[in-house]
Structures are given as C-alpha cells and as structure tokens.
N, C-alpha and C. Protein backbone atom coordinates (compact mmCIF):
# COMPACT_ATOMS: atom_id res chain seq x y z
N UNK A 1 7.00 35.47 2.12
CA UNK A 1 6.30 36.24 1.11
C UNK A 1 7.19 36.30 -0.14
N UNK A 2 6.61 36.03 -1.27
CA UNK A 2 7.38 36.08 -2.51
C UNK A 2 7.62 37.53 -2.91
N UNK A 3 8.63 37.78 -3.72
CA UNK A 3 8.96 39.17 -4.09
C UNK A 3 7.86 39.88 -4.87
N UNK A 4 7.09 39.16 -5.70
CA UNK A 4 6.08 39.83 -6.52
C UNK A 4 5.02 40.53 -5.68
N UNK A 5 4.38 39.85 -4.72
CA UNK A 5 3.37 40.57 -3.92
C UNK A 5 3.97 41.71 -3.12
N UNK A 6 5.19 41.52 -2.63
CA UNK A 6 5.84 42.57 -1.86
C UNK A 6 6.13 43.79 -2.74
N UNK A 7 6.62 43.54 -3.94
CA UNK A 7 6.88 44.63 -4.87
C UNK A 7 5.58 45.33 -5.25
N UNK A 8 4.54 44.54 -5.49
CA UNK A 8 3.25 45.13 -5.84
C UNK A 8 2.72 45.97 -4.68
N UNK A 9 2.93 45.50 -3.46
CA UNK A 9 2.48 46.26 -2.28
C UNK A 9 3.16 47.62 -2.23
N UNK A 10 4.49 47.65 -2.40
CA UNK A 10 5.22 48.92 -2.32
C UNK A 10 4.86 49.85 -3.47
N UNK A 11 4.65 49.29 -4.66
CA UNK A 11 4.23 50.12 -5.80
C UNK A 11 2.86 50.75 -5.51
N UNK A 12 1.95 49.94 -4.95
CA UNK A 12 0.62 50.46 -4.64
C UNK A 12 0.71 51.56 -3.58
N UNK A 13 1.54 51.37 -2.56
CA UNK A 13 1.70 52.39 -1.52
C UNK A 13 2.26 53.68 -2.12
N UNK A 14 3.24 53.55 -2.99
CA UNK A 14 3.86 54.72 -3.61
C UNK A 14 2.85 55.48 -4.48
N UNK A 15 2.02 54.71 -5.22
CA UNK A 15 0.98 55.36 -6.05
C UNK A 15 -0.01 56.11 -5.17
N UNK A 16 -0.42 55.51 -4.05
CA UNK A 16 -1.37 56.17 -3.15
C UNK A 16 -0.78 57.44 -2.56
N UNK A 17 0.50 57.40 -2.20
CA UNK A 17 1.15 58.59 -1.64
C UNK A 17 1.25 59.69 -2.70
N UNK A 18 1.62 59.31 -3.93
CA UNK A 18 1.70 60.31 -5.00
C UNK A 18 0.34 60.91 -5.30
N UNK A 19 -0.70 60.09 -5.27
CA UNK A 19 -2.04 60.59 -5.59
C UNK A 19 -2.60 61.44 -4.45
N UNK A 20 -2.33 61.06 -3.20
CA UNK A 20 -2.91 61.77 -2.06
C UNK A 20 -2.05 62.87 -1.51
N UNK A 21 -0.77 62.85 -1.82
CA UNK A 21 0.12 63.90 -1.35
C UNK A 21 0.52 63.75 0.11
N UNK A 22 0.84 64.90 0.71
CA UNK A 22 1.35 64.96 2.06
C UNK A 22 0.39 64.38 3.11
N UNK A 23 -0.92 64.63 3.06
CA UNK A 23 -1.81 64.04 4.07
C UNK A 23 -1.79 62.51 4.08
N UNK A 24 -1.73 61.90 2.91
CA UNK A 24 -1.68 60.43 2.85
C UNK A 24 -0.35 59.94 3.39
N UNK A 25 0.73 60.65 3.08
CA UNK A 25 2.06 60.27 3.59
C UNK A 25 2.08 60.33 5.11
N UNK A 26 1.52 61.40 5.69
CA UNK A 26 1.46 61.52 7.16
C UNK A 26 0.61 60.40 7.76
N UNK A 27 -0.51 60.09 7.12
CA UNK A 27 -1.39 59.04 7.61
C UNK A 27 -0.69 57.69 7.60
N UNK A 28 0.02 57.40 6.53
CA UNK A 28 0.73 56.12 6.44
C UNK A 28 1.88 56.06 7.45
N UNK A 29 2.57 57.16 7.68
CA UNK A 29 3.63 57.19 8.68
C UNK A 29 3.05 56.97 10.07
N UNK A 30 1.91 57.59 10.35
CA UNK A 30 1.25 57.41 11.64
C UNK A 30 0.84 55.94 11.85
N UNK A 31 0.28 55.33 10.80
CA UNK A 31 -0.11 53.92 10.89
C UNK A 31 1.09 53.02 11.12
N UNK A 32 2.20 53.32 10.44
CA UNK A 32 3.41 52.53 10.61
C UNK A 32 3.94 52.64 12.04
N UNK A 33 3.98 53.85 12.57
CA UNK A 33 4.45 54.04 13.94
C UNK A 33 3.53 53.35 14.94
N UNK A 34 2.23 53.37 14.68
CA UNK A 34 1.28 52.71 15.57
C UNK A 34 1.52 51.20 15.59
N UNK A 35 1.86 50.63 14.43
CA UNK A 35 2.12 49.19 14.36
C UNK A 35 3.47 48.82 14.98
N UNK A 36 4.43 49.74 14.94
CA UNK A 36 5.76 49.46 15.48
C UNK A 36 5.88 49.79 16.96
N UNK A 37 4.87 50.44 17.55
CA UNK A 37 4.93 50.85 18.94
C UNK A 37 5.19 49.68 19.90
N UNK A 38 4.55 48.52 19.75
CA UNK A 38 4.79 47.42 20.68
C UNK A 38 6.15 46.75 20.51
N UNK A 39 6.87 47.04 19.44
CA UNK A 39 8.13 46.37 19.17
C UNK A 39 9.17 46.53 20.28
N UNK A 40 9.45 47.74 20.81
CA UNK A 40 10.43 47.84 21.90
C UNK A 40 10.01 47.05 23.14
N UNK A 41 8.73 47.05 23.44
CA UNK A 41 8.25 46.28 24.59
C UNK A 41 8.49 44.80 24.34
N UNK A 42 8.23 44.34 23.14
CA UNK A 42 8.45 42.94 22.80
C UNK A 42 9.92 42.57 22.89
N UNK A 43 10.79 43.46 22.43
CA UNK A 43 12.23 43.19 22.47
C UNK A 43 12.71 43.07 23.92
N UNK A 44 12.15 43.86 24.82
CA UNK A 44 12.56 43.81 26.22
C UNK A 44 11.96 42.61 26.93
N UNK A 45 10.69 42.30 26.68
CA UNK A 45 10.03 41.24 27.43
C UNK A 45 10.22 39.85 26.86
N UNK A 46 10.53 39.72 25.59
CA UNK A 46 10.67 38.39 24.99
C UNK A 46 11.72 37.54 25.70
N UNK A 47 12.92 38.06 26.02
CA UNK A 47 13.89 37.20 26.72
C UNK A 47 13.39 36.73 28.09
N UNK A 48 12.56 37.55 28.74
CA UNK A 48 12.05 37.16 30.05
C UNK A 48 11.22 35.89 29.94
N UNK A 49 10.54 35.70 28.83
CA UNK A 49 9.70 34.52 28.65
C UNK A 49 10.39 33.42 27.86
N UNK A 50 11.22 33.78 26.92
CA UNK A 50 11.84 32.78 26.05
C UNK A 50 12.93 32.00 26.78
N UNK A 51 13.75 32.67 27.58
CA UNK A 51 14.85 32.00 28.27
C UNK A 51 14.35 30.92 29.22
N UNK A 52 13.35 31.17 30.08
CA UNK A 52 12.85 30.08 30.93
C UNK A 52 12.26 28.91 30.12
N UNK A 53 11.60 29.20 29.02
CA UNK A 53 11.05 28.11 28.20
C UNK A 53 12.17 27.25 27.64
N UNK A 54 13.24 27.88 27.18
CA UNK A 54 14.38 27.12 26.65
C UNK A 54 15.01 26.27 27.75
N UNK A 55 15.18 26.83 28.94
CA UNK A 55 15.77 26.08 30.06
C UNK A 55 14.88 24.89 30.41
N UNK A 56 13.58 25.11 30.49
CA UNK A 56 12.65 24.01 30.82
C UNK A 56 12.73 22.92 29.77
N UNK A 57 12.82 23.29 28.50
CA UNK A 57 12.90 22.28 27.44
C UNK A 57 14.24 21.54 27.49
N UNK A 58 15.31 22.23 27.89
CA UNK A 58 16.62 21.58 27.96
C UNK A 58 16.71 20.57 29.10
N UNK A 59 16.08 20.86 30.25
CA UNK A 59 16.16 19.94 31.38
C UNK A 59 15.10 18.85 31.34
N UNK A 60 14.22 18.88 30.35
CA UNK A 60 13.13 17.92 30.27
C UNK A 60 13.58 16.46 30.23
N UNK A 61 14.69 16.10 29.59
CA UNK A 61 15.09 14.68 29.62
C UNK A 61 15.39 14.17 31.04
N UNK A 62 15.73 15.04 31.97
CA UNK A 62 16.06 14.61 33.33
C UNK A 62 14.94 14.89 34.32
N UNK A 63 14.33 16.04 34.22
CA UNK A 63 13.26 16.43 35.14
C UNK A 63 12.09 16.97 34.31
N UNK A 64 10.91 16.41 34.55
CA UNK A 64 9.72 16.88 33.85
C UNK A 64 9.04 17.93 34.70
N UNK A 65 8.96 19.15 34.21
CA UNK A 65 8.26 20.22 34.91
C UNK A 65 6.88 20.37 34.30
N UNK A 66 5.87 20.32 35.18
CA UNK A 66 4.50 20.51 34.72
C UNK A 66 3.91 21.69 35.46
N UNK A 67 3.24 22.56 34.73
CA UNK A 67 2.63 23.75 35.30
C UNK A 67 1.12 23.63 35.22
N UNK A 68 0.46 24.11 36.26
CA UNK A 68 -1.00 24.08 36.27
C UNK A 68 -1.54 25.17 37.17
N UNK A 69 -2.80 25.50 36.98
CA UNK A 69 -3.42 26.52 37.82
C UNK A 69 -4.51 25.88 38.67
N UNK A 70 -4.71 26.45 39.83
CA UNK A 70 -5.74 25.97 40.74
C UNK A 70 -6.89 26.96 40.75
N UNK A 71 -8.09 26.42 40.66
CA UNK A 71 -9.27 27.28 40.79
C UNK A 71 -9.31 27.79 42.22
N UNK A 72 -9.29 29.08 42.40
CA UNK A 72 -9.23 29.61 43.76
C UNK A 72 -10.20 30.76 43.96
N UNK A 73 -11.35 30.68 43.32
CA UNK A 73 -12.33 31.75 43.49
C UNK A 73 -13.02 31.66 44.84
N UNK A 74 -12.99 30.51 45.45
CA UNK A 74 -13.58 30.32 46.77
C UNK A 74 -12.98 29.09 47.41
N UNK A 75 -13.22 28.90 48.69
CA UNK A 75 -12.63 27.76 49.40
C UNK A 75 -13.15 26.45 48.81
N UNK A 76 -14.44 26.36 48.52
CA UNK A 76 -15.00 25.14 47.95
C UNK A 76 -14.41 24.82 46.59
N UNK A 77 -14.23 25.84 45.77
CA UNK A 77 -13.64 25.63 44.45
C UNK A 77 -12.17 25.27 44.56
N UNK A 78 -11.56 25.67 45.63
CA UNK A 78 -10.13 25.44 45.82
C UNK A 78 -9.87 24.00 46.26
N UNK A 79 -10.73 23.44 47.11
CA UNK A 79 -10.44 22.15 47.72
C UNK A 79 -10.69 20.96 46.80
N UNK A 80 -11.73 20.99 46.01
CA UNK A 80 -12.09 19.81 45.22
C UNK A 80 -11.02 19.45 44.17
N UNK A 81 -10.56 20.35 43.31
CA UNK A 81 -9.55 19.96 42.32
C UNK A 81 -8.24 19.47 42.96
N UNK A 82 -7.88 20.07 44.10
CA UNK A 82 -6.67 19.62 44.79
C UNK A 82 -6.85 18.20 45.29
N UNK A 83 -8.00 17.90 45.87
CA UNK A 83 -8.28 16.55 46.37
C UNK A 83 -8.31 15.54 45.23
N UNK A 84 -8.92 15.91 44.13
CA UNK A 84 -8.96 15.00 42.97
C UNK A 84 -7.55 14.73 42.47
N UNK A 85 -6.73 15.77 42.35
CA UNK A 85 -5.36 15.57 41.87
C UNK A 85 -4.57 14.69 42.82
N UNK A 86 -4.67 14.95 44.12
CA UNK A 86 -3.90 14.15 45.08
C UNK A 86 -4.38 12.70 45.10
N UNK A 87 -5.68 12.47 44.97
CA UNK A 87 -6.20 11.10 44.91
C UNK A 87 -5.70 10.39 43.65
N UNK A 88 -5.71 11.08 42.53
CA UNK A 88 -5.20 10.49 41.29
C UNK A 88 -3.70 10.22 41.40
N UNK A 89 -2.97 11.11 42.07
CA UNK A 89 -1.53 10.90 42.26
C UNK A 89 -1.28 9.67 43.13
N UNK A 90 -2.12 9.46 44.17
CA UNK A 90 -1.99 8.26 45.01
C UNK A 90 -2.21 6.99 44.20
N UNK A 91 -3.10 7.05 43.22
CA UNK A 91 -3.37 5.89 42.37
C UNK A 91 -2.32 5.71 41.27
N UNK A 92 -1.41 6.67 41.15
CA UNK A 92 -0.35 6.59 40.15
C UNK A 92 -0.75 7.06 38.76
N UNK A 93 -1.83 7.80 38.67
CA UNK A 93 -2.30 8.27 37.36
C UNK A 93 -1.45 9.41 36.81
N UNK A 94 -0.70 10.09 37.65
CA UNK A 94 0.11 11.23 37.20
C UNK A 94 1.60 10.91 37.23
N UNK A 95 1.94 9.63 37.13
CA UNK A 95 3.34 9.23 37.16
C UNK A 95 3.94 9.38 35.77
N UNK A 96 4.87 10.32 35.58
CA UNK A 96 5.42 10.55 34.24
C UNK A 96 6.46 9.51 33.83
N UNK A 97 6.86 8.62 34.75
CA UNK A 97 7.88 7.64 34.41
C UNK A 97 9.29 8.18 34.57
N UNK A 98 9.42 9.37 35.05
CA UNK A 98 10.71 9.99 35.31
C UNK A 98 10.53 10.99 36.44
N UNK A 99 11.63 11.56 36.89
CA UNK A 99 11.53 12.56 37.95
C UNK A 99 10.72 13.74 37.44
N UNK A 100 9.79 14.18 38.26
CA UNK A 100 8.93 15.26 37.81
C UNK A 100 8.63 16.23 38.94
N UNK A 101 8.26 17.42 38.56
CA UNK A 101 7.91 18.46 39.52
C UNK A 101 6.68 19.18 39.00
N UNK A 102 5.64 19.20 39.82
CA UNK A 102 4.41 19.90 39.46
C UNK A 102 4.43 21.27 40.13
N UNK A 103 4.26 22.31 39.34
CA UNK A 103 4.26 23.68 39.85
C UNK A 103 2.86 24.24 39.63
N UNK A 104 2.23 24.67 40.73
CA UNK A 104 0.87 25.17 40.69
C UNK A 104 0.85 26.65 41.00
N UNK A 105 -0.08 27.36 40.41
CA UNK A 105 -0.28 28.76 40.75
C UNK A 105 -1.77 29.01 40.91
N UNK A 106 -2.10 30.02 41.69
CA UNK A 106 -3.49 30.33 41.98
C UNK A 106 -4.08 31.22 40.90
N UNK A 107 -5.30 30.90 40.52
CA UNK A 107 -6.02 31.70 39.54
C UNK A 107 -6.34 33.07 40.11
N UNK A 108 -6.85 33.09 41.34
CA UNK A 108 -7.14 34.33 42.05
C UNK A 108 -6.73 34.14 43.50
N UNK A 109 -6.54 35.23 44.22
CA UNK A 109 -6.20 35.14 45.64
C UNK A 109 -7.44 34.72 46.41
N UNK A 110 -7.28 33.73 47.28
CA UNK A 110 -8.41 33.22 48.07
C UNK A 110 -8.72 34.19 49.18
C-alpha cells in the first residue's frame, strides 16, 4: 500500500472520531479488537502447518510425498476409487520417476 492512501485512511478515521466523539471511538476500538481476535490463534497454529509444509518441500528432490483423500461415505464409494488407483498404479500411470510415497486419509469414518 502506498503512503498516500494509508495517510488518507488515517486522516478520515481521525475526522470521523472527532465528529462522532466517544461513541465512534468505542465503536472503532471494538471493530479493531474484533478483527485482531483471530491473530493469537493464527500465531499459535501457523507453525503447526507451516513447518510440515517446509519439510515436505525440502525433501521433495529425494522423496515425492503425495496426499489424497478417499471417498468413504459408504463401502461402495470406498472401494471403487481405491481399485481405480491401484489398477492405474499397476499400469504405471502414477510413477513419478523418483521415490514416492502416497499418503491417503479418509473423508469420513466408514
């Protein structure tokens, strides 16, 4: 953001607070706190997700990790995609050309 729009934004906020007085100031403080509320949660949870992504990207030249989900709403929905994937793997359609590991997770508990 360039300085001009940012400066104009703060000038406009200051004018609104001066014109509206204490109620407008309280309202703006409440809105600011509402927007900042998720920040501590983000600070705590971001490393939980960012660190594994960095590790996966660093080991990618040696081992290719692929993640996928399996449809598991019912037994019939569960078996067909697995069979298709295994048949394609037998034909060599999923060969990455390097060592690879496929990690699957269930969409829902069967």
